[in-house]
N, C-alpha and C. Protein backbone atom coordinates (compact mmCIF):
# COMPACT_ATOMS: atom_id res chain seq x y z
N MET A 1 0.79 -1.10 -0.03
CA MET A 1 -0.09 -0.07 0.10
C MET A 1 0.92 1.27 -0.10
N PRO A 2 0.53 2.28 -0.75
CA PRO A 2 1.32 3.49 -0.86
C PRO A 2 1.50 4.17 0.63
N GLY A 3 2.58 4.71 0.72
CA GLY A 3 2.65 5.30 2.17
C GLY A 3 3.10 6.69 2.18
N ALA A 4 4.27 7.01 2.79
CA ALA A 4 4.81 8.43 3.00
C ALA A 4 4.89 8.99 1.53
N ASP A 5 4.62 10.37 1.55
CA ASP A 5 4.87 10.99 0.23
C ASP A 5 6.14 11.63 0.23
N ILE A 6 7.17 10.78 -0.37
CA ILE A 6 8.61 11.04 -0.46
C ILE A 6 8.98 10.88 -1.85
N ASP A 7 10.09 11.16 -2.18
CA ASP A 7 10.63 11.05 -3.52
C ASP A 7 11.30 9.76 -3.56
N SER A 8 10.55 8.59 -3.67
CA SER A 8 11.08 7.29 -3.71
C SER A 8 10.31 6.41 -4.38
N ASP A 9 10.75 5.19 -5.16
CA ASP A 9 9.92 4.49 -5.77
C ASP A 9 9.54 3.14 -4.90
N HIS A 10 9.96 3.08 -3.56
CA HIS A 10 9.65 2.14 -2.68
C HIS A 10 8.18 2.61 -1.89
N ASN A 11 7.44 1.47 -1.60
CA ASN A 11 6.15 1.50 -1.07
C ASN A 11 6.29 0.92 0.19
N LEU A 12 5.74 1.63 1.14
CA LEU A 12 5.75 0.96 2.65
C LEU A 12 4.80 -0.14 2.69
N LEU A 13 4.99 -1.17 3.36
CA LEU A 13 4.10 -2.40 3.44
C LEU A 13 3.84 -2.45 5.00
N VAL A 14 2.72 -3.06 5.33
CA VAL A 14 2.07 -3.33 6.61
C VAL A 14 1.78 -4.73 6.61
N ALA A 15 2.36 -5.53 7.43
CA ALA A 15 2.37 -7.19 7.55
C ALA A 15 2.21 -7.39 8.97
N LYS A 16 1.49 -8.55 9.17
CA LYS A 16 1.28 -9.15 10.44
C LYS A 16 1.73 -10.55 10.54
N PHE A 17 2.62 -10.82 11.39
CA PHE A 17 3.29 -12.15 11.44
C PHE A 17 3.50 -12.49 12.87
N ARG A 18 3.51 -13.77 13.05
CA ARG A 18 3.67 -14.54 14.46
C ARG A 18 5.02 -15.28 14.57
N THR A 19 5.61 -15.15 15.64
CA THR A 19 6.92 -15.89 15.94
C THR A 19 6.80 -17.10 16.84
N ARG A 20 7.33 -18.10 16.57
CA ARG A 20 7.28 -19.29 17.28
C ARG A 20 8.65 -19.81 17.55
N LEU A 21 8.87 -20.10 18.93
CA LEU A 21 10.13 -20.66 19.35
C LEU A 21 10.35 -21.94 18.94
N LYS A 22 11.50 -22.19 18.21
CA LYS A 22 11.78 -23.50 17.87
C LYS A 22 12.25 -24.53 19.04
N ILE A 23 11.87 -25.67 18.83
CA ILE A 23 12.11 -26.77 19.98
C ILE A 23 13.36 -27.36 19.51
N ILE A 24 14.49 -27.34 20.36
CA ILE A 24 15.66 -27.92 20.00
C ILE A 24 15.75 -29.30 20.81
N LYS A 25 15.94 -30.30 20.23
CA LYS A 25 16.08 -31.66 20.87
C LYS A 25 17.62 -31.94 20.91
N PHE A 26 18.11 -32.23 21.99
CA PHE A 26 19.46 -32.60 22.26
C PHE A 26 19.56 -34.15 22.30
N GLN A 27 20.42 -34.68 21.42
CA GLN A 27 20.64 -36.08 21.35
C GLN A 27 21.77 -36.38 22.24
N LYS A 28 21.58 -37.53 23.01
CA LYS A 28 22.55 -38.05 23.84
C LYS A 28 23.65 -38.56 22.97
N SER A 29 24.90 -38.28 23.54
CA SER A 29 26.12 -38.74 22.85
C SER A 29 26.29 -40.20 23.17
N ARG A 30 26.68 -41.01 22.10
CA ARG A 30 26.70 -42.44 22.16
C ARG A 30 28.24 -42.61 22.77
N PRO A 31 28.47 -43.52 23.64
CA PRO A 31 29.65 -43.96 24.07
C PRO A 31 30.54 -44.54 23.25
N ARG A 32 31.74 -44.25 23.14
CA ARG A 32 32.72 -44.63 22.10
C ARG A 32 33.60 -45.88 22.69
N TRP A 33 34.12 -46.69 21.85
CA TRP A 33 34.79 -47.84 22.02
C TRP A 33 36.28 -47.27 22.44
N ASP A 34 36.68 -48.03 23.37
CA ASP A 34 38.12 -47.76 23.91
C ASP A 34 39.23 -48.39 22.82
N LEU A 35 39.40 -47.35 22.05
CA LEU A 35 40.43 -47.68 20.75
C LEU A 35 41.86 -48.11 21.31
N GLU A 36 42.22 -47.43 22.35
CA GLU A 36 43.65 -47.69 22.76
C GLU A 36 43.60 -49.09 23.30
N LYS A 37 42.59 -49.45 24.01
CA LYS A 37 42.49 -50.77 24.64
C LYS A 37 42.49 -51.86 23.50
N LEU A 38 41.72 -51.52 22.40
CA LEU A 38 41.56 -52.30 21.24
C LEU A 38 42.91 -52.76 20.48
N TYR A 39 43.52 -51.46 20.50
CA TYR A 39 44.96 -51.63 19.72
C TYR A 39 45.89 -52.48 20.57
N ALA A 40 45.90 -52.42 21.82
CA ALA A 40 46.95 -53.15 22.73
C ALA A 40 46.47 -54.57 22.70
N GLN A 41 45.19 -55.01 22.65
CA GLN A 41 44.65 -56.22 22.61
C GLN A 41 44.20 -56.84 21.16
N ARG A 42 44.82 -56.14 20.30
CA ARG A 42 44.34 -56.41 18.90
C ARG A 42 44.41 -57.97 18.50
N GLN A 43 45.35 -58.66 18.87
CA GLN A 43 45.58 -59.86 18.56
C GLN A 43 44.68 -60.96 19.19
N SER A 44 44.46 -60.65 20.48
CA SER A 44 43.45 -61.53 21.19
C SER A 44 41.99 -61.27 20.71
N VAL A 45 41.73 -59.95 20.34
CA VAL A 45 40.42 -59.71 19.87
C VAL A 45 40.19 -60.24 18.53
N GLN A 46 41.31 -60.31 17.67
CA GLN A 46 41.19 -60.78 16.39
C GLN A 46 40.92 -62.33 16.44
N ASP A 47 41.75 -63.21 17.30
CA ASP A 47 41.56 -64.52 17.61
C ASP A 47 40.25 -65.03 17.96
N THR A 48 39.73 -64.12 18.94
CA THR A 48 38.32 -64.48 19.46
C THR A 48 37.31 -64.26 18.41
N LEU A 49 37.54 -63.22 17.73
CA LEU A 49 36.47 -62.95 16.52
C LEU A 49 36.60 -64.12 15.57
N GLU A 50 37.76 -64.46 15.13
CA GLU A 50 37.71 -65.62 14.16
C GLU A 50 37.13 -66.90 14.56
N GLU A 51 37.41 -67.13 15.89
CA GLU A 51 36.76 -68.27 16.47
C GLU A 51 35.24 -68.28 16.52
N LYS A 52 34.82 -67.09 16.86
CA LYS A 52 33.16 -67.12 17.01
C LYS A 52 32.72 -66.91 15.57
N LEU A 53 33.25 -66.31 14.63
CA LEU A 53 32.84 -66.22 13.41
C LEU A 53 32.71 -67.55 12.60
N CYS A 54 33.68 -68.32 13.08
CA CYS A 54 33.76 -69.77 12.25
C CYS A 54 32.61 -70.51 12.75
N SER A 55 32.08 -70.31 14.09
CA SER A 55 30.96 -71.20 14.66
C SER A 55 29.52 -70.66 14.21
N ILE A 56 29.47 -69.43 13.45
CA ILE A 56 28.35 -68.98 13.11
C ILE A 56 27.75 -69.81 11.96
N GLU A 57 26.51 -70.26 12.07
CA GLU A 57 25.93 -71.09 10.88
C GLU A 57 25.65 -70.27 9.74
N CYS A 58 25.99 -70.73 8.58
CA CYS A 58 25.75 -69.93 7.31
C CYS A 58 24.33 -70.19 6.73
N GLU A 59 23.48 -69.40 6.55
CA GLU A 59 22.21 -69.60 6.01
C GLU A 59 22.11 -69.17 4.68
N SER A 60 22.19 -69.86 3.77
CA SER A 60 22.23 -69.59 2.14
C SER A 60 20.95 -68.93 1.88
N GLY A 61 21.03 -67.87 1.15
CA GLY A 61 19.89 -67.22 0.63
C GLY A 61 19.27 -66.15 1.48
N ASN A 62 19.63 -66.03 2.77
CA ASN A 62 19.35 -64.81 3.72
C ASN A 62 20.34 -64.15 4.20
N ALA A 63 20.81 -63.07 3.45
CA ALA A 63 21.75 -62.09 3.74
C ALA A 63 21.59 -61.57 5.00
N GLU A 64 20.47 -60.94 5.17
CA GLU A 64 20.08 -60.12 6.28
C GLU A 64 20.29 -60.76 7.61
N VAL A 65 19.79 -62.06 7.61
CA VAL A 65 20.16 -62.79 8.92
C VAL A 65 21.67 -63.22 9.12
N GLN A 66 22.44 -63.36 8.07
CA GLN A 66 23.88 -63.52 8.09
C GLN A 66 24.55 -62.20 8.75
N TRP A 67 24.05 -61.12 8.13
CA TRP A 67 24.79 -59.86 8.63
C TRP A 67 24.48 -59.61 10.09
N ASN A 68 23.07 -59.77 10.58
CA ASN A 68 22.85 -59.51 11.78
C ASN A 68 23.58 -60.48 12.82
N ASN A 69 23.73 -61.75 12.45
CA ASN A 69 24.53 -62.66 13.30
C ASN A 69 26.07 -62.13 13.29
N ILE A 70 26.61 -61.83 12.11
CA ILE A 70 28.05 -61.26 12.28
C ILE A 70 28.24 -59.79 13.09
N LYS A 71 27.19 -59.19 12.89
CA LYS A 71 27.16 -57.88 13.54
C LYS A 71 27.15 -58.10 15.21
N GLU A 72 26.18 -58.95 15.49
CA GLU A 72 26.07 -59.11 16.90
C GLU A 72 27.29 -59.79 17.56
N CYS A 73 27.80 -60.84 16.76
CA CYS A 73 29.15 -61.46 17.16
C CYS A 73 30.16 -60.31 17.44
N MET A 74 30.32 -59.50 16.58
CA MET A 74 31.37 -58.52 16.59
C MET A 74 31.24 -57.68 17.77
N LEU A 75 29.99 -57.00 17.98
CA LEU A 75 29.75 -56.11 18.98
C LEU A 75 29.75 -56.79 20.30
N ASN A 76 29.24 -58.03 20.53
CA ASN A 76 29.52 -58.61 21.86
C ASN A 76 30.95 -59.06 22.21
N THR A 77 31.76 -59.35 21.22
CA THR A 77 33.10 -59.65 21.36
C THR A 77 33.86 -58.29 21.80
N ILE A 78 33.70 -57.29 20.93
CA ILE A 78 34.38 -56.08 21.36
C ILE A 78 33.91 -55.42 22.80
N ASN A 79 32.69 -55.66 22.98
CA ASN A 79 32.17 -55.12 24.37
C ASN A 79 32.65 -55.90 25.36
N ASP A 80 32.88 -57.12 25.33
CA ASP A 80 33.48 -57.97 26.34
C ASP A 80 34.86 -57.83 26.65
N LEU A 81 35.66 -57.70 25.54
CA LEU A 81 37.10 -57.62 25.68
C LEU A 81 37.74 -56.20 25.62
N VAL A 82 36.99 -55.15 25.15
CA VAL A 82 37.47 -53.72 25.04
C VAL A 82 36.75 -52.97 25.85
N GLY A 83 35.48 -52.94 25.57
CA GLY A 83 34.59 -51.95 26.52
C GLY A 83 34.65 -50.65 25.90
N LYS A 84 33.74 -49.58 26.65
CA LYS A 84 33.52 -48.40 26.22
C LYS A 84 34.44 -47.39 26.99
N VAL A 85 34.71 -46.05 26.35
CA VAL A 85 35.64 -45.10 27.02
C VAL A 85 34.59 -44.48 28.10
N GLU A 86 35.20 -44.23 29.24
CA GLU A 86 34.29 -43.59 30.22
C GLU A 86 34.52 -42.21 29.96
N LYS A 87 33.26 -41.57 30.42
CA LYS A 87 33.23 -40.06 30.27
C LYS A 87 34.23 -39.22 30.95
N ARG A 88 35.09 -38.53 30.14
CA ARG A 88 36.07 -37.70 30.78
C ARG A 88 35.70 -36.19 31.02
N ALA A 89 36.48 -35.70 31.93
CA ALA A 89 35.99 -34.37 32.26
C ALA A 89 36.94 -33.34 31.31
N ARG A 90 36.43 -32.29 31.03
CA ARG A 90 37.16 -31.34 30.09
C ARG A 90 38.30 -30.83 31.01
N LYS A 91 38.09 -30.47 32.32
CA LYS A 91 39.15 -29.89 33.06
C LYS A 91 39.77 -31.05 33.74
N PRO A 92 41.11 -30.93 34.04
CA PRO A 92 41.90 -32.18 34.39
C PRO A 92 41.64 -32.25 36.02
N TRP A 93 41.18 -31.26 36.64
CA TRP A 93 41.11 -31.44 38.20
C TRP A 93 39.66 -31.82 38.51
N ILE A 94 38.70 -32.05 37.47
CA ILE A 94 37.34 -32.69 37.75
C ILE A 94 37.58 -34.16 38.00
N THR A 95 37.12 -34.70 39.13
CA THR A 95 37.12 -36.03 39.50
C THR A 95 35.71 -36.68 39.05
N GLN A 96 35.92 -38.13 39.30
CA GLN A 96 34.72 -38.81 38.94
C GLN A 96 33.66 -38.59 40.13
N GLU A 97 34.00 -38.29 41.22
CA GLU A 97 32.99 -37.97 42.21
C GLU A 97 32.41 -36.81 41.92
N ILE A 98 33.06 -35.64 41.37
CA ILE A 98 32.37 -34.41 41.02
C ILE A 98 31.47 -34.57 39.87
N ILE A 99 31.87 -35.45 38.79
CA ILE A 99 30.97 -35.81 37.80
C ILE A 99 29.57 -36.47 38.38
N SER A 100 29.67 -37.26 39.19
CA SER A 100 28.53 -37.91 39.74
C SER A 100 27.73 -37.02 40.43
N LYS A 101 28.22 -36.02 41.17
CA LYS A 101 27.46 -34.97 41.83
C LYS A 101 26.80 -34.01 40.92
N MET A 102 27.43 -33.72 39.81
CA MET A 102 26.88 -32.92 38.65
C MET A 102 25.48 -33.53 38.14
N GLY A 103 25.60 -34.89 37.81
CA GLY A 103 24.66 -35.74 37.49
C GLY A 103 23.37 -35.82 38.39
N GLU A 104 23.83 -35.80 39.80
CA GLU A 104 22.80 -35.80 40.69
C GLU A 104 21.97 -34.48 40.95
N ARG A 105 22.93 -33.40 40.61
CA ARG A 105 22.41 -32.06 40.57
C ARG A 105 21.36 -31.71 39.54
N ARG A 106 21.77 -32.32 38.38
CA ARG A 106 20.74 -32.10 37.15
C ARG A 106 19.65 -32.62 37.19
N LYS A 107 19.47 -33.90 37.99
CA LYS A 107 18.29 -34.49 38.27
C LYS A 107 17.25 -33.58 39.08
N TRP A 108 17.66 -32.81 39.98
CA TRP A 108 16.92 -31.88 40.72
C TRP A 108 16.57 -30.67 40.26
N LYS A 109 17.39 -30.19 39.21
CA LYS A 109 17.18 -28.89 38.60
C LYS A 109 15.91 -28.46 38.12
N ASN A 110 15.24 -29.41 37.26
CA ASN A 110 14.03 -29.08 36.74
C ASN A 110 12.68 -29.50 37.50
N VAL A 111 12.92 -30.00 38.78
CA VAL A 111 11.87 -30.48 39.49
C VAL A 111 11.35 -29.23 40.43
N ASN A 112 10.01 -28.95 40.21
CA ASN A 112 9.55 -27.71 40.75
C ASN A 112 8.85 -28.09 42.12
N ASN A 113 9.57 -28.14 43.06
CA ASN A 113 8.99 -28.38 44.51
C ASN A 113 10.15 -28.01 45.67
N GLU A 114 9.72 -27.73 46.89
CA GLU A 114 10.65 -27.14 47.78
C GLU A 114 11.67 -28.13 48.07
N GLU A 115 11.47 -29.31 48.17
CA GLU A 115 12.50 -30.50 48.51
C GLU A 115 13.56 -30.42 47.30
N SER A 116 13.13 -30.52 46.08
CA SER A 116 14.23 -30.38 45.01
C SER A 116 15.00 -29.13 44.90
N ARG A 117 14.31 -28.02 45.27
CA ARG A 117 15.06 -26.70 45.40
C ARG A 117 16.17 -26.74 46.44
N ARG A 118 15.70 -27.45 47.58
CA ARG A 118 16.70 -27.51 48.69
C ARG A 118 17.79 -28.38 48.30
N ASN A 119 17.55 -29.60 47.59
CA ASN A 119 18.60 -30.48 47.24
C ASN A 119 19.58 -29.94 46.38
N TYR A 120 18.95 -29.17 45.46
CA TYR A 120 19.70 -28.47 44.28
C TYR A 120 20.78 -27.46 44.91
N ARG A 121 20.33 -26.78 45.94
CA ARG A 121 21.20 -25.62 46.40
C ARG A 121 22.30 -26.34 47.26
N ARG A 122 22.00 -27.37 47.89
CA ARG A 122 22.85 -28.29 48.80
C ARG A 122 24.01 -28.64 47.71
N LEU A 123 23.45 -29.41 46.92
CA LEU A 123 24.47 -30.03 45.91
C LEU A 123 25.39 -28.90 45.00
N ARG A 124 24.77 -27.74 44.77
CA ARG A 124 25.42 -26.61 43.93
C ARG A 124 26.59 -26.23 45.14
N ASN A 125 26.23 -26.09 46.32
CA ASN A 125 27.31 -25.47 47.30
C ASN A 125 28.37 -26.66 47.54
N GLU A 126 27.96 -27.90 47.51
CA GLU A 126 28.95 -28.89 47.75
C GLU A 126 29.78 -29.06 46.45
N LEU A 127 29.31 -28.90 45.25
CA LEU A 127 30.06 -28.93 43.96
C LEU A 127 31.14 -27.70 44.12
N LYS A 128 30.59 -26.58 44.34
CA LYS A 128 31.44 -25.43 44.43
C LYS A 128 32.62 -25.58 45.18
N ARG A 129 32.43 -26.01 46.52
CA ARG A 129 33.55 -26.37 47.55
C ARG A 129 34.50 -27.35 46.98
N ALA A 130 33.84 -28.52 46.42
CA ALA A 130 34.76 -29.59 45.95
C ALA A 130 35.56 -29.20 44.68
N THR A 131 34.97 -28.49 43.96
CA THR A 131 35.75 -28.02 42.60
C THR A 131 36.85 -27.07 42.96
N GLU A 132 36.37 -26.07 43.89
CA GLU A 132 37.73 -25.25 44.35
C GLU A 132 38.84 -25.99 45.04
N MET A 133 38.43 -26.90 45.94
CA MET A 133 39.63 -27.76 46.41
C MET A 133 40.40 -28.59 45.55
N ALA A 134 39.56 -29.21 44.50
CA ALA A 134 40.26 -30.00 43.45
C ALA A 134 41.14 -29.23 42.65
N LYS A 135 40.71 -27.98 42.27
CA LYS A 135 41.42 -27.10 41.39
C LYS A 135 42.65 -26.56 42.10
N LYS A 136 42.53 -26.27 43.31
CA LYS A 136 43.62 -25.85 44.20
C LYS A 136 44.77 -26.91 44.16
N GLU A 137 44.36 -28.20 44.65
CA GLU A 137 45.29 -29.49 44.82
C GLU A 137 45.97 -29.52 43.42
N TYR A 138 45.11 -29.54 42.45
CA TYR A 138 45.82 -29.87 40.95
C TYR A 138 46.87 -28.83 40.65
N LEU A 139 46.58 -27.44 40.93
CA LEU A 139 47.63 -26.43 40.68
C LEU A 139 48.68 -26.58 41.41
N GLU A 140 48.51 -26.90 42.84
CA GLU A 140 49.79 -27.08 43.65
C GLU A 140 50.65 -28.27 43.34
N ASN A 141 49.98 -29.25 42.83
CA ASN A 141 50.80 -30.48 42.39
C ASN A 141 51.54 -30.10 41.11
N ILE A 142 51.01 -29.38 40.16
CA ILE A 142 51.65 -28.97 39.01
C ILE A 142 52.76 -28.12 39.26
N CYS A 143 52.50 -27.19 40.15
CA CYS A 143 53.67 -26.10 40.47
C CYS A 143 54.80 -26.87 41.24
N ASN A 144 54.46 -27.81 41.94
CA ASN A 144 55.60 -28.67 42.83
C ASN A 144 56.42 -29.39 41.69
N GLU A 145 55.76 -29.89 40.67
CA GLU A 145 56.30 -30.65 39.62
C GLU A 145 57.24 -29.75 38.80
N ILE A 146 56.72 -28.43 38.57
CA ILE A 146 57.46 -27.59 37.83
C ILE A 146 58.86 -27.24 38.49
N ILE A 147 58.57 -26.90 39.86
CA ILE A 147 59.72 -26.64 40.72
C ILE A 147 60.88 -27.80 40.77
N GLU A 148 60.31 -28.97 40.84
CA GLU A 148 61.21 -30.16 40.80
C GLU A 148 61.94 -30.26 39.52
N PHE A 149 61.40 -30.08 38.38
CA PHE A 149 61.89 -30.22 37.08
C PHE A 149 62.95 -28.99 36.90
N GLN A 150 62.65 -27.91 37.57
CA GLN A 150 63.68 -26.76 37.49
C GLN A 150 64.86 -27.02 38.32
N ARG A 151 64.58 -27.65 39.54
CA ARG A 151 65.86 -28.01 40.30
C ARG A 151 66.74 -29.02 39.83
N THR A 152 66.07 -29.94 39.06
CA THR A 152 66.93 -31.07 38.42
C THR A 152 67.45 -30.68 37.18
N GLY A 153 67.11 -29.48 36.63
CA GLY A 153 67.55 -29.18 35.19
C GLY A 153 66.79 -29.56 34.11
N ARG A 154 65.76 -30.28 34.38
CA ARG A 154 64.79 -30.70 33.23
C ARG A 154 63.92 -29.57 32.86
N TYR A 155 64.53 -28.91 32.00
CA TYR A 155 63.80 -27.68 31.41
C TYR A 155 62.88 -27.83 30.43
N ASP A 156 62.99 -29.06 29.71
CA ASP A 156 62.07 -29.49 28.71
C ASP A 156 60.68 -29.85 29.30
N LEU A 157 60.92 -30.74 30.39
CA LEU A 157 59.50 -31.17 31.05
C LEU A 157 59.09 -30.04 31.77
N MET A 158 59.81 -29.26 32.32
CA MET A 158 59.28 -27.93 33.10
C MET A 158 58.35 -27.06 32.08
N TYR A 159 58.87 -27.00 30.68
CA TYR A 159 58.16 -26.30 29.79
C TYR A 159 56.84 -27.11 29.44
N VAL A 160 56.85 -28.18 29.32
CA VAL A 160 55.52 -29.14 28.95
C VAL A 160 54.59 -28.83 30.14
N LYS A 161 55.09 -28.86 31.35
CA LYS A 161 54.16 -28.77 32.59
C LYS A 161 53.47 -27.43 32.50
N THR A 162 54.38 -26.37 32.15
CA THR A 162 53.82 -25.03 32.23
C THR A 162 52.86 -24.76 31.24
N LYS A 163 52.83 -25.59 30.06
CA LYS A 163 51.90 -25.60 29.07
C LYS A 163 50.57 -26.08 29.60
N GLU A 164 50.52 -27.06 30.38
CA GLU A 164 49.33 -27.65 30.86
C GLU A 164 48.60 -26.60 31.68
N LEU A 165 49.16 -25.76 32.19
CA LEU A 165 48.45 -24.64 32.91
C LEU A 165 47.63 -23.68 32.17
N GLY A 166 47.78 -23.97 30.73
CA GLY A 166 47.12 -23.03 29.91
C GLY A 166 47.80 -21.64 29.57
N TRP A 167 49.08 -21.68 29.84
CA TRP A 167 49.85 -20.47 29.56
C TRP A 167 50.16 -20.45 27.91
N ASN A 168 49.79 -19.29 27.53
CA ASN A 168 50.01 -18.99 26.01
C ASN A 168 51.30 -18.12 25.78
N GLU A 169 52.12 -18.31 25.04
CA GLU A 169 53.39 -17.53 24.72
C GLU A 169 52.99 -16.08 24.32
N THR A 170 52.23 -15.89 23.37
CA THR A 170 51.63 -14.59 22.90
C THR A 170 50.90 -13.91 24.01
N GLN A 171 50.02 -14.41 24.54
CA GLN A 171 49.16 -13.81 25.60
C GLN A 171 49.98 -13.44 26.86
N GLY A 172 50.98 -14.31 27.07
CA GLY A 172 52.01 -13.96 28.34
C GLY A 172 52.68 -12.69 27.93
N ILE A 173 53.30 -12.48 26.87
CA ILE A 173 53.95 -11.36 26.49
C ILE A 173 53.20 -10.17 26.41
N GLN A 174 51.98 -10.36 25.87
CA GLN A 174 51.18 -9.11 25.79
C GLN A 174 50.48 -8.61 27.20
N SER A 175 50.36 -9.46 28.09
CA SER A 175 49.70 -9.11 29.23
C SER A 175 50.67 -8.84 30.37
N ILE A 176 52.06 -9.01 30.23
CA ILE A 176 53.15 -8.61 31.21
C ILE A 176 53.80 -7.39 30.42
N GLY A 177 53.46 -6.39 31.09
CA GLY A 177 54.12 -5.08 30.65
C GLY A 177 55.52 -4.70 31.27
N ILE A 178 56.22 -3.90 30.60
CA ILE A 178 57.68 -3.62 31.26
C ILE A 178 57.79 -2.07 30.98
N GLU A 179 58.77 -1.57 31.68
CA GLU A 179 59.18 -0.15 31.51
C GLU A 179 60.27 0.15 30.64
N ASP A 180 60.28 1.19 29.81
CA ASP A 180 61.46 1.56 28.91
C ASP A 180 62.40 2.34 29.70
N SER A 181 63.28 2.95 28.97
CA SER A 181 64.32 3.73 29.71
C SER A 181 63.83 5.05 30.24
N GLN A 182 62.60 5.53 29.61
CA GLN A 182 62.03 6.82 30.30
C GLN A 182 61.02 6.49 31.27
N GLY A 183 60.74 5.19 31.76
CA GLY A 183 59.72 4.86 32.64
C GLY A 183 58.38 4.71 32.24
N ASN A 184 58.11 4.61 30.82
CA ASN A 184 56.89 4.44 30.21
C ASN A 184 56.46 2.99 30.17
N ARG A 185 55.16 2.65 30.56
CA ARG A 185 54.72 1.36 30.62
C ARG A 185 54.38 0.80 29.04
N ILE A 186 55.10 -0.28 28.81
CA ILE A 186 55.10 -0.82 27.34
C ILE A 186 54.45 -2.34 27.39
N VAL A 187 53.32 -2.33 26.74
CA VAL A 187 52.60 -3.73 26.58
C VAL A 187 52.66 -4.38 25.31
N GLU A 188 52.84 -3.59 24.34
CA GLU A 188 52.82 -4.14 22.86
C GLU A 188 53.82 -5.15 22.70
N GLN A 189 53.54 -6.24 22.16
CA GLN A 189 54.48 -7.47 21.83
C GLN A 189 55.73 -7.11 21.07
N ARG A 190 55.80 -6.45 20.16
CA ARG A 190 56.89 -6.01 19.24
C ARG A 190 57.79 -4.98 20.14
N GLN A 191 57.20 -4.05 20.80
CA GLN A 191 57.93 -3.13 21.60
C GLN A 191 58.63 -3.68 22.80
N VAL A 192 57.96 -4.66 23.32
CA VAL A 192 58.50 -5.35 24.50
C VAL A 192 59.82 -6.11 24.01
N LEU A 193 59.63 -6.88 22.93
CA LEU A 193 60.65 -7.81 22.38
C LEU A 193 61.93 -6.80 22.04
N LYS A 194 61.52 -5.71 21.53
CA LYS A 194 62.61 -4.62 21.06
C LYS A 194 63.39 -4.04 22.35
N ILE A 195 62.65 -3.93 23.32
CA ILE A 195 63.18 -3.36 24.68
C ILE A 195 64.29 -4.40 25.31
N TRP A 196 63.70 -5.63 25.29
CA TRP A 196 64.58 -6.80 25.72
C TRP A 196 65.77 -6.90 24.82
N GLU A 197 65.62 -6.87 23.61
CA GLU A 197 66.79 -7.01 22.58
C GLU A 197 67.87 -5.91 22.86
N ASN A 198 67.55 -4.65 23.02
CA ASN A 198 68.50 -3.68 23.29
C ASN A 198 68.94 -3.70 24.68
N TYR A 199 68.23 -4.32 25.66
CA TYR A 199 68.79 -4.48 27.02
C TYR A 199 69.94 -5.56 26.96
N ILE A 200 69.73 -6.61 26.25
CA ILE A 200 70.64 -7.71 26.09
C ILE A 200 71.81 -7.32 25.48
N THR A 201 71.70 -6.48 24.33
CA THR A 201 72.69 -5.85 23.61
C THR A 201 73.72 -5.07 24.51
N GLU A 202 73.00 -4.23 25.28
CA GLU A 202 73.96 -3.15 26.08
C GLU A 202 74.54 -4.06 27.21
N LEU A 203 73.85 -5.10 27.73
CA LEU A 203 74.53 -5.91 28.78
C LEU A 203 75.63 -6.65 28.42
N TYR A 204 75.78 -7.18 27.16
CA TYR A 204 76.89 -7.93 26.83
C TYR A 204 77.81 -7.33 25.86
N ASP A 205 77.74 -6.04 25.76
CA ASP A 205 78.59 -5.22 24.90
C ASP A 205 79.78 -4.93 25.58
């Protein structure tokens, strides 16, 4: 429909529309096979599979049944000898006990009554304390290992342990500022490297 009287070839439009929130369905992640264990025991798994596959009766003319028998035989053998990979925490200081408490807290989260809210708050506080203590203990152990590697002169292992703390070389240079000869604070990476270069040059001249 024509609208404002302006020098334009565009016509203003009026429309009615309704918005509807999309329902997002989350799929549960399937557990994975322990490939490291499978590689370590590949010979025994292969021998067991060959023995079981030889005992399967072949039904001529029914490929679907044969495939199901072979598939079931392989899955059962791998499940018995190898097993699945346990769920691993993203953070190295998260223990299996903390993961179990997270699962228990998740059960009480969407239950709308006083008891569930009380249990949820209790588990949340317990998780917070347990996570802080586990993280502190993990960092103390890493720092002690770094100090020990430095004392014994194993600087390669010291560097590896330092990287486990999430230290990034570029970020470390940018976040640590130094002062130049005039007392100005310098944080830009190239300028910091240049100041160190001049300092070492003057030191050994």
